[in-house]
Protein backbone atom coordinates (compact mmCIF):
# COMPACT_ATOMS: atom_id res chain seq x y z
CA MET A 1 -43.83 -94.46 -107.62
CA ALA A 2 -41.23 -92.68 -105.52
CA THR A 3 -42.36 -90.95 -102.34
CA LEU A 4 -40.63 -88.76 -99.80
CA ARG A 5 -39.85 -90.58 -96.58
CA ARG A 6 -38.06 -89.56 -93.42
CA ILE A 7 -35.61 -91.95 -91.82
CA VAL A 8 -33.83 -91.43 -88.53
CA GLY A 9 -30.66 -92.59 -86.85
CA ILE A 10 -26.96 -92.56 -87.73
CA HIS A 11 -26.85 -96.07 -89.21
CA ALA A 12 -29.92 -95.57 -91.40
CA ALA A 13 -28.73 -92.17 -92.61
CA GLN A 14 -25.22 -93.48 -93.33
CA ALA A 15 -26.65 -96.42 -95.31
CA ALA A 16 -28.77 -94.06 -97.40
CA LEU A 17 -25.71 -91.88 -98.06
CA ASP A 18 -23.54 -94.86 -98.98
CA HIS A 19 -26.01 -96.47 -101.36
CA SER A 20 -28.26 -93.72 -102.74
CA PRO A 21 -26.85 -90.25 -102.00
CA GLU A 22 -28.68 -88.81 -105.01
CA LYS A 23 -31.99 -89.76 -103.38
CA ILE A 24 -31.39 -87.74 -100.19
CA THR A 25 -33.23 -84.43 -100.51
CA SER A 26 -32.25 -82.88 -97.16
CA ALA A 27 -31.05 -83.60 -93.64
CA TRP A 28 -31.91 -82.24 -90.18
CA ILE A 29 -29.17 -82.42 -87.55
CA ASP A 30 -29.06 -81.51 -83.86
CA LEU A 31 -25.48 -80.27 -83.54
CA SER A 32 -25.83 -79.76 -79.80
CA ARG A 33 -25.05 -83.48 -79.61
CA GLN A 34 -21.25 -83.60 -79.72
CA ASP A 35 -21.12 -87.10 -81.19
CA ALA A 36 -18.06 -87.80 -83.36
CA ARG A 37 -20.05 -90.15 -85.60
CA LEU A 38 -22.71 -87.49 -86.13
CA LEU A 39 -20.14 -84.81 -86.97
CA LYS A 40 -18.40 -87.14 -89.43
CA LEU A 41 -21.74 -87.91 -91.08
CA ARG A 42 -22.54 -84.21 -91.31
CA ASP A 43 -19.26 -83.58 -93.12
CA ALA A 44 -19.98 -86.43 -95.54
CA LEU A 45 -23.46 -85.07 -96.27
CA GLU A 46 -22.02 -81.61 -96.93
CA THR A 47 -19.40 -83.08 -99.25
CA ALA A 48 -22.20 -84.82 -101.17
CA GLY A 49 -23.91 -81.45 -101.64
CA ILE A 50 -26.92 -82.29 -99.49
CA THR A 51 -28.80 -79.46 -97.80
CA ILE A 52 -28.38 -79.61 -94.01
CA LYS A 53 -30.74 -77.86 -91.63
CA GLN A 54 -29.54 -77.32 -88.07
CA VAL A 55 -32.31 -77.77 -85.52
CA ASP A 56 -32.55 -78.10 -81.76
CA ARG A 57 -33.46 -81.28 -79.91
CA LYS A 58 -37.15 -80.47 -79.51
CA GLN A 59 -37.57 -79.62 -83.18
CA LEU A 60 -35.87 -82.83 -84.24
CA GLU A 61 -38.01 -84.90 -81.88
CA ARG A 62 -41.10 -83.37 -83.47
CA PHE A 63 -39.88 -84.02 -87.01
CA ALA A 64 -38.90 -87.58 -86.05
CA GLU A 65 -42.33 -88.17 -84.50
CA ARG A 66 -40.70 -89.23 -81.21
CA ARG A 67 -38.64 -91.99 -82.85
CA PRO A 68 -35.10 -92.46 -81.46
CA HIS A 69 -33.08 -90.31 -83.87
CA GLN A 70 -29.48 -90.07 -82.54
CA GLY A 71 -29.44 -86.44 -83.61
CA ILE A 72 -30.19 -86.87 -87.32
CA LEU A 73 -33.10 -87.22 -89.72
CA VAL A 74 -32.79 -87.43 -93.50
CA GLU A 75 -35.52 -87.15 -96.10
CA ILE A 76 -35.18 -89.53 -99.02
CA ASP A 77 -36.94 -89.92 -102.34
CA LEU A 78 -37.11 -93.68 -102.76
CA PRO A 79 -39.61 -96.28 -103.99
CA THR A 80 -39.52 -98.23 -100.73
CA GLU A 81 -42.06 -100.76 -101.97
CA LEU A 82 -41.99 -102.23 -105.46
CA GLY A 83 -44.72 -104.19 -107.22
CA GLU A 84 -45.22 -107.18 -109.49
CA PRO A 85 -44.17 -105.38 -112.73
CA ASP A 86 -40.89 -104.39 -111.05
CA LEU A 87 -40.23 -107.99 -110.02
CA ARG A 88 -41.00 -109.28 -113.51
CA ASP A 89 -38.58 -106.74 -114.96
CA SER A 90 -35.88 -107.81 -112.51
CA LEU A 91 -36.37 -111.47 -113.38
CA ASP A 92 -36.28 -110.71 -117.11
CA GLU A 93 -33.19 -108.53 -116.97
CA ASN A 94 -30.93 -110.65 -114.79
CA SER A 95 -29.66 -114.20 -114.66
CA GLY A 96 -27.01 -116.23 -112.87
CA GLN A 97 -26.67 -117.31 -109.27
CA ARG A 98 -29.50 -115.21 -107.90
CA LEU A 99 -30.87 -115.31 -104.36
CA PHE A 100 -34.28 -114.05 -103.26
CA LEU A 101 -36.02 -114.19 -99.89
CA VAL A 102 -39.79 -114.77 -99.93
CA LEU A 103 -41.72 -114.14 -96.71
CA ASP A 104 -45.14 -115.80 -96.51
CA HIS A 105 -47.52 -113.68 -94.39
CA VAL A 106 -44.90 -112.27 -92.00
CA GLN A 107 -46.61 -109.60 -89.89
CA ASP A 108 -44.13 -108.58 -87.19
CA PRO A 109 -42.28 -105.35 -88.12
CA HIS A 110 -39.26 -106.22 -85.97
CA ASN A 111 -38.88 -109.53 -87.79
CA LEU A 112 -39.15 -107.86 -91.19
CA GLY A 113 -36.61 -105.19 -90.22
CA ALA A 114 -34.17 -107.83 -89.00
CA CYS A 115 -34.72 -109.90 -92.17
CA LEU A 116 -33.97 -106.85 -94.33
CA ARG A 117 -30.74 -106.23 -92.43
CA THR A 118 -29.66 -109.86 -92.80
CA ALA A 119 -30.68 -109.93 -96.47
CA ASP A 120 -28.53 -106.89 -97.17
CA ALA A 121 -25.53 -108.49 -95.45
CA ALA A 122 -26.03 -111.72 -97.42
CA GLY A 123 -26.29 -109.94 -100.77
CA VAL A 124 -29.88 -110.98 -101.43
CA ASP A 125 -31.32 -109.70 -104.73
CA GLY A 126 -34.68 -108.82 -103.20
CA ILE A 127 -37.36 -109.65 -100.65
CA VAL A 128 -40.84 -110.63 -101.78
CA THR A 129 -43.93 -110.57 -99.58
CA THR A 130 -47.70 -110.34 -100.02
CA ARG A 131 -49.76 -107.16 -99.94
CA ASP A 132 -52.39 -108.76 -97.71
CA GLN A 133 -51.72 -110.04 -94.18
CA SER A 134 -48.07 -108.97 -94.31
CA VAL A 135 -46.26 -105.99 -92.86
CA GLY A 136 -44.80 -103.42 -95.25
CA ILE A 137 -42.05 -100.84 -94.77
CA THR A 138 -42.94 -98.85 -91.66
CA ALA A 139 -40.96 -96.51 -89.42
CA THR A 140 -40.26 -99.44 -87.08
CA VAL A 141 -39.15 -101.68 -89.93
CA SER A 142 -36.84 -98.98 -91.28
CA LYS A 143 -35.26 -98.38 -87.87
CA VAL A 144 -34.70 -102.07 -87.10
CA SER A 145 -33.24 -102.65 -90.56
CA SER A 146 -30.39 -100.17 -89.85
CA GLY A 147 -30.68 -98.74 -93.35
CA ALA A 148 -31.32 -101.98 -95.25
CA ALA A 149 -34.88 -100.88 -96.03
CA GLU A 150 -33.22 -98.33 -98.31
CA THR A 151 -30.88 -100.81 -100.02
CA VAL A 152 -32.71 -104.13 -100.47
CA PRO A 153 -35.38 -104.21 -103.22
CA PHE A 154 -38.69 -104.92 -101.47
CA TYR A 155 -41.48 -106.35 -103.63
CA ARG A 156 -45.13 -106.73 -102.58
CA VAL A 157 -47.32 -109.03 -104.65
CA THR A 158 -51.02 -109.89 -104.68
CA ASN A 159 -50.70 -113.60 -105.45
CA LEU A 160 -47.73 -115.42 -103.94
CA ALA A 161 -48.41 -118.75 -105.65
CA ARG A 162 -48.39 -117.08 -109.06
CA THR A 163 -45.20 -115.21 -108.16
CA LEU A 164 -43.43 -118.44 -107.24
CA GLY A 165 -44.38 -119.66 -110.71
CA TRP A 166 -42.59 -116.64 -112.21
CA PHE A 167 -39.43 -117.59 -110.36
CA LYS A 168 -39.56 -121.07 -111.85
CA GLU A 169 -40.14 -119.71 -115.35
CA SER A 170 -37.00 -117.61 -114.89
CA GLY A 171 -34.89 -120.63 -113.95
CA ILE A 172 -34.91 -119.91 -110.21
CA TRP A 173 -35.60 -122.84 -107.89
CA VAL A 174 -38.15 -122.36 -105.10
CA ALA A 175 -37.02 -123.81 -101.75
CA GLY A 176 -39.24 -123.77 -98.67
CA ALA A 177 -38.21 -123.91 -95.01
CA ALA A 178 -40.36 -126.49 -93.21
CA GLY A 179 -39.77 -128.32 -89.94
CA GLU A 180 -41.08 -131.62 -91.33
CA ALA A 181 -38.67 -131.69 -94.29
CA ASP A 182 -36.43 -134.74 -94.69
CA LYS A 183 -33.22 -132.86 -95.53
CA THR A 184 -31.54 -130.17 -93.48
CA VAL A 185 -30.38 -126.87 -94.94
CA TYR A 186 -26.81 -128.21 -94.68
CA GLU A 187 -27.71 -131.17 -96.93
CA THR A 188 -29.44 -128.94 -99.49
CA ASP A 189 -27.78 -127.47 -102.57
CA MET A 190 -28.03 -123.72 -101.89
CA LYS A 191 -25.73 -122.84 -104.79
CA LEU A 192 -28.61 -122.98 -107.25
CA PRO A 193 -30.43 -119.80 -108.31
CA LEU A 194 -32.86 -119.75 -105.38
CA ALA A 195 -35.98 -118.16 -104.00
CA ILE A 196 -35.99 -119.17 -100.32
CA VAL A 197 -39.50 -119.18 -98.84
CA ILE A 198 -40.04 -118.76 -95.10
CA GLY A 199 -43.44 -118.77 -93.40
CA ALA A 200 -44.79 -116.80 -90.49
CA GLU A 201 -43.84 -117.69 -86.93
CA GLY A 202 -46.23 -120.21 -85.41
CA THR A 203 -47.94 -121.18 -88.68
CA GLY A 204 -45.10 -121.73 -91.12
CA LEU A 205 -45.72 -122.11 -94.83
CA ARG A 206 -49.30 -122.13 -96.06
CA ARG A 207 -50.44 -125.27 -97.90
CA LEU A 208 -50.53 -123.75 -101.39
CA THR A 209 -47.17 -122.07 -100.87
CA ARG A 210 -45.66 -125.37 -99.75
CA GLU A 211 -47.05 -127.14 -102.81
CA LYS A 212 -45.42 -124.58 -105.10
CA CYS A 213 -41.95 -125.26 -103.67
CA ASP A 214 -39.55 -127.40 -105.70
CA PHE A 215 -38.13 -128.83 -102.49
CA LEU A 216 -38.19 -128.33 -98.72
CA PHE A 217 -35.45 -128.18 -96.10
CA LYS A 218 -35.21 -127.68 -92.34
CA ILE A 219 -32.86 -126.30 -89.73
CA PRO A 220 -31.82 -129.16 -87.41
CA MET A 221 -32.85 -128.59 -83.79
CA PHE A 222 -31.10 -130.36 -80.91
CA GLY A 223 -32.60 -128.77 -77.80
CA GLN A 224 -36.07 -128.59 -76.29
CA VAL A 225 -37.47 -125.69 -78.31
CA GLU A 226 -39.24 -126.57 -81.54
CA SER A 227 -38.24 -123.59 -83.66
CA LEU A 228 -36.12 -120.45 -83.92
CA ASN A 229 -37.26 -116.85 -84.13
CA LEU A 230 -38.10 -116.10 -87.77
CA SER A 231 -35.34 -113.56 -88.30
CA VAL A 232 -32.76 -115.81 -86.62
CA ALA A 233 -33.81 -118.73 -88.84
CA THR A 234 -33.54 -116.45 -91.87
CA GLY A 235 -29.96 -115.58 -90.91
CA VAL A 236 -28.99 -119.24 -90.52
CA ILE A 237 -30.46 -120.13 -93.91
CA LEU A 238 -29.14 -117.17 -95.89
CA PHE A 239 -25.62 -117.50 -94.59
CA GLU A 240 -25.55 -121.23 -95.29
CA ALA A 241 -26.32 -120.22 -98.88
CA VAL A 242 -23.51 -117.65 -98.71
CA ARG A 243 -21.09 -120.25 -97.29
CA GLN A 244 -21.83 -122.75 -100.04
CA ARG A 245 -21.50 -120.12 -102.77
CA LEU A 246 -18.20 -118.86 -101.39
CA ASN A 247 -16.80 -122.39 -101.40
CA VAL A 248 -17.64 -122.71 -105.09
CA LYS A 249 -15.58 -119.60 -105.86
CA LYS A 250 -12.44 -120.91 -104.15
């Protein structure tokens, strides 16, 4: 179900305008800020026929609930979180070289926001996470994502093991990131239709999730630290998949 949601900041507002202008219901702008980027965005919103309300700084701070807003807030009508039926429909309707990111019990909103931003840049078809013990789309997540929370399909499921089974039924391989894997991500075929599964920082993949994976891979580490930040690791993995897929197209 679609719900009204307020997002703040120039990048987030621009992303919403670029990808789903028809979903923007209105915008609040503090024009006392003589920012060229803000003025350009205002003109683009007006051209798109979106209602703009001019407010002062204090009003905008109140509407933005004290979030850093860069002089703009837009209200959007978007289903920010999708469910299992939506994922099944997506799997049934599409085929080909698909790429999904599955996050197993990731709870840090900054990590999720960064993963959304990276997923958007890598052309990921959607992010899947659990309803329990996982963070959803929050104001912090939306801000960190720089607008990607409005562009990347975000699915929340009740049973991750069952969901991984759906991927397999749809011809999508399930690949898990695990430090103890024999092969590195650079030795793994990432050109396949893939659902890449990444576990929470500190705990990694849960046992049942690991068992549902078709194969495991790791990021090679050469220094003293044992692991990377989750969102950094996600970027390394997704863009290795992008690199391999681009090479195929040459």
